[in-house]
Amino acid sequence: MPKTIQLRRYTLVDGEYDAFLEWWRSTMPFVRPTAGFAVEFAYGLRGSNEFVWAVSAPGDREEFARLEEAYMASPERAAAFEGVPQRVAVYDVGFVDDAPTAG
């Protein structure tokens, strides 16, 4: 079955890099999979204050959107973000069109 991959690039709020990474590591790898997603990868770029990660779901973009809508309204997501200050200054989120295989 094909999968849809969403690339998520964040520019973090100055001074929030370490706090964001600590929160992300303790939250997203657990919350997203319970909603039907897989975390493909995640990398932090301390020098440019960026965080880049990809999340995927089986099926097409329509199915991804359906899962995303349910995830955004879920109590699990609400709990993950409860009391967390805004640590992302700029969001750049889009779908991957081509995913060539290495090798």
N, C-alpha and C. Protein backbone atom coordinates (compact mmCIF):
# COMPACT_ATOMS: atom_id res chain seq x y z
N MET A 1 0.85 -1.18 0.00
CA MET A 1 0.00 0.00 0.00
C MET A 1 0.89 1.24 0.00
N PRO A 2 0.57 2.20 -0.84
CA PRO A 2 1.36 3.45 -0.84
C PRO A 2 1.14 4.22 0.46
N LYS A 3 2.07 5.11 0.72
CA LYS A 3 1.93 5.97 1.90
C LYS A 3 2.13 7.41 1.49
N THR A 4 1.59 8.30 2.30
CA THR A 4 1.74 9.73 2.10
C THR A 4 2.69 10.25 3.17
N ILE A 5 3.66 11.06 2.73
CA ILE A 5 4.66 11.60 3.65
C ILE A 5 4.51 13.12 3.70
N GLN A 6 4.47 13.64 4.91
CA GLN A 6 4.41 15.09 5.12
C GLN A 6 5.73 15.53 5.74
N LEU A 7 6.37 16.50 5.11
CA LEU A 7 7.62 17.07 5.61
C LEU A 7 7.27 18.31 6.43
N ARG A 8 7.81 18.37 7.64
CA ARG A 8 7.50 19.46 8.57
C ARG A 8 8.80 20.15 8.95
N ARG A 9 8.95 21.41 8.55
CA ARG A 9 10.16 22.19 8.85
C ARG A 9 9.77 23.36 9.73
N TYR A 10 10.42 23.44 10.88
CA TYR A 10 10.11 24.48 11.85
C TYR A 10 11.33 25.35 12.09
N THR A 11 11.11 26.65 12.16
CA THR A 11 12.10 27.57 12.72
C THR A 11 11.63 27.84 14.14
N LEU A 12 12.49 27.55 15.10
CA LEU A 12 12.09 27.64 16.49
C LEU A 12 12.26 29.05 17.05
N VAL A 13 11.49 29.35 18.07
CA VAL A 13 11.60 30.61 18.79
C VAL A 13 13.00 30.66 19.42
N ASP A 14 13.67 31.81 19.31
CA ASP A 14 15.00 31.95 19.89
C ASP A 14 15.00 31.53 21.36
N GLY A 15 15.98 30.74 21.73
CA GLY A 15 16.13 30.30 23.10
C GLY A 15 15.29 29.09 23.48
N GLU A 16 14.51 28.55 22.55
CA GLU A 16 13.61 27.43 22.85
C GLU A 16 14.06 26.09 22.26
N TYR A 17 15.23 26.06 21.63
CA TYR A 17 15.68 24.84 20.94
C TYR A 17 15.70 23.63 21.88
N ASP A 18 16.41 23.72 22.99
CA ASP A 18 16.55 22.58 23.90
C ASP A 18 15.21 22.16 24.50
N ALA A 19 14.41 23.12 24.90
CA ALA A 19 13.10 22.82 25.49
C ALA A 19 12.19 22.16 24.46
N PHE A 20 12.24 22.65 23.21
CA PHE A 20 11.42 22.05 22.16
C PHE A 20 11.84 20.60 21.93
N LEU A 21 13.15 20.35 21.78
CA LEU A 21 13.62 18.98 21.55
C LEU A 21 13.23 18.05 22.69
N GLU A 22 13.37 18.50 23.90
CA GLU A 22 13.01 17.67 25.05
C GLU A 22 11.52 17.33 25.00
N TRP A 23 10.69 18.33 24.72
CA TRP A 23 9.24 18.09 24.62
C TRP A 23 8.93 17.15 23.46
N TRP A 24 9.51 17.42 22.28
CA TRP A 24 9.21 16.61 21.10
C TRP A 24 9.58 15.15 21.34
N ARG A 25 10.79 14.92 21.84
CA ARG A 25 11.26 13.54 22.08
C ARG A 25 10.35 12.79 23.06
N SER A 26 9.80 13.48 24.00
CA SER A 26 8.96 12.82 25.01
C SER A 26 7.50 12.73 24.60
N THR A 27 7.16 13.30 23.45
CA THR A 27 5.75 13.38 23.07
C THR A 27 5.43 12.79 21.70
N MET A 28 5.96 13.38 20.64
CA MET A 28 5.55 13.03 19.29
C MET A 28 5.79 11.58 18.90
N PRO A 29 6.92 10.96 19.26
CA PRO A 29 7.10 9.56 18.87
C PRO A 29 6.06 8.62 19.50
N PHE A 30 5.33 9.10 20.47
CA PHE A 30 4.30 8.29 21.13
C PHE A 30 2.89 8.70 20.72
N VAL A 31 2.66 10.00 20.56
CA VAL A 31 1.31 10.50 20.25
C VAL A 31 0.94 10.26 18.79
N ARG A 32 1.85 10.56 17.87
CA ARG A 32 1.51 10.40 16.45
C ARG A 32 1.20 8.96 16.07
N PRO A 33 1.99 7.97 16.49
CA PRO A 33 1.67 6.59 16.10
C PRO A 33 0.32 6.10 16.62
N THR A 34 -0.12 6.56 17.77
CA THR A 34 -1.43 6.14 18.27
C THR A 34 -2.56 6.68 17.40
N ALA A 35 -2.26 7.69 16.59
CA ALA A 35 -3.26 8.27 15.69
C ALA A 35 -3.15 7.70 14.27
N GLY A 36 -2.28 6.70 14.07
CA GLY A 36 -2.16 6.07 12.76
C GLY A 36 -1.02 6.56 11.90
N PHE A 37 -0.15 7.38 12.46
CA PHE A 37 0.99 7.93 11.72
C PHE A 37 2.28 7.22 12.11
N ALA A 38 3.29 7.34 11.26
CA ALA A 38 4.64 6.88 11.58
C ALA A 38 5.57 8.08 11.47
N VAL A 39 6.47 8.22 12.41
CA VAL A 39 7.50 9.26 12.32
C VAL A 39 8.62 8.67 11.47
N GLU A 40 8.86 9.28 10.31
CA GLU A 40 9.87 8.78 9.37
C GLU A 40 11.28 9.15 9.82
N PHE A 41 11.47 10.38 10.26
CA PHE A 41 12.75 10.84 10.76
C PHE A 41 12.54 12.16 11.47
N ALA A 42 13.53 12.57 12.23
CA ALA A 42 13.51 13.88 12.89
C ALA A 42 14.94 14.32 13.13
N TYR A 43 15.24 15.56 12.76
CA TYR A 43 16.58 16.12 12.94
C TYR A 43 16.48 17.55 13.44
N GLY A 44 17.36 17.88 14.36
CA GLY A 44 17.48 19.25 14.82
C GLY A 44 18.73 19.87 14.23
N LEU A 45 18.65 21.14 13.88
CA LEU A 45 19.78 21.90 13.36
C LEU A 45 20.00 23.07 14.30
N ARG A 46 20.80 22.84 15.31
CA ARG A 46 21.00 23.83 16.36
C ARG A 46 21.51 25.16 15.80
N GLY A 47 22.47 25.10 14.88
CA GLY A 47 23.09 26.31 14.35
C GLY A 47 22.11 27.27 13.69
N SER A 48 21.07 26.73 13.08
CA SER A 48 20.08 27.57 12.42
C SER A 48 18.75 27.60 13.17
N ASN A 49 18.72 26.96 14.36
CA ASN A 49 17.54 26.97 15.21
C ASN A 49 16.33 26.35 14.49
N GLU A 50 16.58 25.24 13.80
CA GLU A 50 15.53 24.58 13.02
C GLU A 50 15.31 23.15 13.50
N PHE A 51 14.13 22.65 13.22
CA PHE A 51 13.79 21.26 13.48
C PHE A 51 13.04 20.77 12.25
N VAL A 52 13.48 19.64 11.70
CA VAL A 52 12.89 19.09 10.48
C VAL A 52 12.50 17.64 10.77
N TRP A 53 11.27 17.31 10.42
CA TRP A 53 10.84 15.93 10.61
C TRP A 53 9.80 15.56 9.57
N ALA A 54 9.57 14.26 9.44
CA ALA A 54 8.57 13.78 8.49
C ALA A 54 7.68 12.77 9.19
N VAL A 55 6.42 12.85 8.85
CA VAL A 55 5.41 11.94 9.38
C VAL A 55 4.66 11.35 8.19
N SER A 56 4.31 10.08 8.29
CA SER A 56 3.63 9.43 7.17
C SER A 56 2.40 8.67 7.67
N ALA A 57 1.57 8.33 6.69
CA ALA A 57 0.39 7.51 6.97
C ALA A 57 0.10 6.67 5.73
N PRO A 58 -0.43 5.48 5.92
CA PRO A 58 -0.79 4.66 4.77
C PRO A 58 -1.88 5.34 3.95
N GLY A 59 -1.81 5.16 2.64
CA GLY A 59 -2.86 5.69 1.77
C GLY A 59 -2.48 7.00 1.11
N ASP A 60 -3.49 7.64 0.53
CA ASP A 60 -3.27 8.87 -0.23
C ASP A 60 -3.42 10.10 0.67
N ARG A 61 -3.31 11.28 0.05
CA ARG A 61 -3.40 12.53 0.82
C ARG A 61 -4.77 12.71 1.46
N GLU A 62 -5.78 12.21 0.82
CA GLU A 62 -7.13 12.30 1.38
C GLU A 62 -7.21 11.51 2.69
N GLU A 63 -6.63 10.32 2.69
CA GLU A 63 -6.61 9.51 3.91
C GLU A 63 -5.76 10.18 4.98
N PHE A 64 -4.63 10.76 4.57
CA PHE A 64 -3.77 11.48 5.51
C PHE A 64 -4.56 12.62 6.15
N ALA A 65 -5.29 13.36 5.33
CA ALA A 65 -6.09 14.49 5.84
C ALA A 65 -7.15 14.01 6.82
N ARG A 66 -7.75 12.87 6.55
CA ARG A 66 -8.76 12.32 7.45
C ARG A 66 -8.13 11.98 8.81
N LEU A 67 -6.96 11.32 8.77
CA LEU A 67 -6.26 11.00 10.02
C LEU A 67 -5.82 12.26 10.75
N GLU A 68 -5.34 13.24 9.99
CA GLU A 68 -4.86 14.49 10.59
C GLU A 68 -6.01 15.23 11.29
N GLU A 69 -7.16 15.24 10.66
CA GLU A 69 -8.32 15.91 11.27
C GLU A 69 -8.70 15.23 12.59
N ALA A 70 -8.71 13.90 12.59
CA ALA A 70 -9.03 13.17 13.82
C ALA A 70 -7.95 13.40 14.88
N TYR A 71 -6.69 13.41 14.46
CA TYR A 71 -5.57 13.64 15.39
C TYR A 71 -5.66 15.03 16.01
N MET A 72 -5.92 16.04 15.20
CA MET A 72 -5.99 17.42 15.70
C MET A 72 -7.09 17.59 16.74
N ALA A 73 -8.16 16.82 16.65
CA ALA A 73 -9.28 16.92 17.58
C ALA A 73 -9.18 15.93 18.75
N SER A 74 -8.11 15.14 18.78
CA SER A 74 -8.01 14.07 19.78
C SER A 74 -7.62 14.58 21.16
N PRO A 75 -8.09 13.91 22.20
CA PRO A 75 -7.69 14.27 23.56
C PRO A 75 -6.20 14.00 23.80
N GLU A 76 -5.63 13.03 23.09
CA GLU A 76 -4.20 12.74 23.23
C GLU A 76 -3.35 13.91 22.75
N ARG A 77 -3.75 14.49 21.63
CA ARG A 77 -3.00 15.65 21.14
C ARG A 77 -3.19 16.83 22.08
N ALA A 78 -4.41 17.04 22.53
CA ALA A 78 -4.67 18.15 23.46
C ALA A 78 -3.81 18.01 24.71
N ALA A 79 -3.70 16.80 25.23
CA ALA A 79 -2.89 16.57 26.43
C ALA A 79 -1.41 16.82 26.15
N ALA A 80 -0.95 16.45 24.95
CA ALA A 80 0.46 16.63 24.60
C ALA A 80 0.84 18.11 24.53
N PHE A 81 -0.10 18.96 24.16
CA PHE A 81 0.19 20.38 24.01
C PHE A 81 -0.27 21.23 25.20
N GLU A 82 -0.96 20.62 26.15
CA GLU A 82 -1.48 21.36 27.29
C GLU A 82 -0.35 22.01 28.09
N GLY A 83 -0.43 23.31 28.24
CA GLY A 83 0.55 24.05 29.02
C GLY A 83 1.89 24.27 28.35
N VAL A 84 2.02 23.86 27.10
CA VAL A 84 3.29 24.02 26.38
C VAL A 84 3.29 25.39 25.70
N PRO A 85 4.30 26.21 25.97
CA PRO A 85 4.36 27.52 25.32
C PRO A 85 4.65 27.38 23.82
N GLN A 86 4.35 28.41 23.07
CA GLN A 86 4.63 28.41 21.64
C GLN A 86 6.14 28.44 21.43
N ARG A 87 6.68 27.37 20.87
CA ARG A 87 8.13 27.28 20.65
C ARG A 87 8.50 27.28 19.18
N VAL A 88 7.52 27.31 18.31
CA VAL A 88 7.78 27.34 16.87
C VAL A 88 7.40 28.72 16.35
N ALA A 89 8.38 29.40 15.73
CA ALA A 89 8.14 30.73 15.18
C ALA A 89 7.57 30.65 13.76
N VAL A 90 8.08 29.70 12.97
CA VAL A 90 7.67 29.57 11.57
C VAL A 90 7.45 28.09 11.25
N TYR A 91 6.30 27.79 10.67
CA TYR A 91 5.98 26.44 10.22
C TYR A 91 6.06 26.39 8.70
N ASP A 92 6.71 25.38 8.16
CA ASP A 92 6.73 25.12 6.72
C ASP A 92 6.37 23.64 6.57
N VAL A 93 5.14 23.37 6.20
CA VAL A 93 4.63 22.01 6.17
C VAL A 93 4.09 21.71 4.78
N GLY A 94 4.50 20.59 4.21
CA GLY A 94 4.01 20.22 2.89
C GLY A 94 4.20 18.73 2.65
N PHE A 95 3.60 18.26 1.58
CA PHE A 95 3.69 16.85 1.25
C PHE A 95 4.87 16.59 0.32
N VAL A 96 5.49 15.44 0.51
CA VAL A 96 6.59 15.01 -0.34
C VAL A 96 5.98 14.46 -1.62
N ASP A 97 6.46 14.94 -2.75
CA ASP A 97 5.95 14.46 -4.04
C ASP A 97 6.66 13.21 -4.51
N ASP A 98 7.95 13.16 -4.29
CA ASP A 98 8.75 12.04 -4.74
C ASP A 98 9.68 11.60 -3.62
N ALA A 99 9.75 10.31 -3.40
CA ALA A 99 10.65 9.77 -2.38
C ALA A 99 11.52 8.71 -3.04
N PRO A 100 12.64 9.14 -3.66
CA PRO A 100 13.49 8.16 -4.33
C PRO A 100 14.11 7.20 -3.31
N THR A 101 14.32 5.99 -3.74
CA THR A 101 14.93 4.98 -2.90
C THR A 101 16.44 5.09 -2.99
N ALA A 102 17.11 5.10 -1.85
CA ALA A 102 18.57 5.16 -1.83
C ALA A 102 19.14 3.84 -2.32
N GLY A 103 20.32 3.93 -2.96
CA GLY A 103 21.03 2.71 -3.35
C GLY A 103 20.75 2.34 -4.72
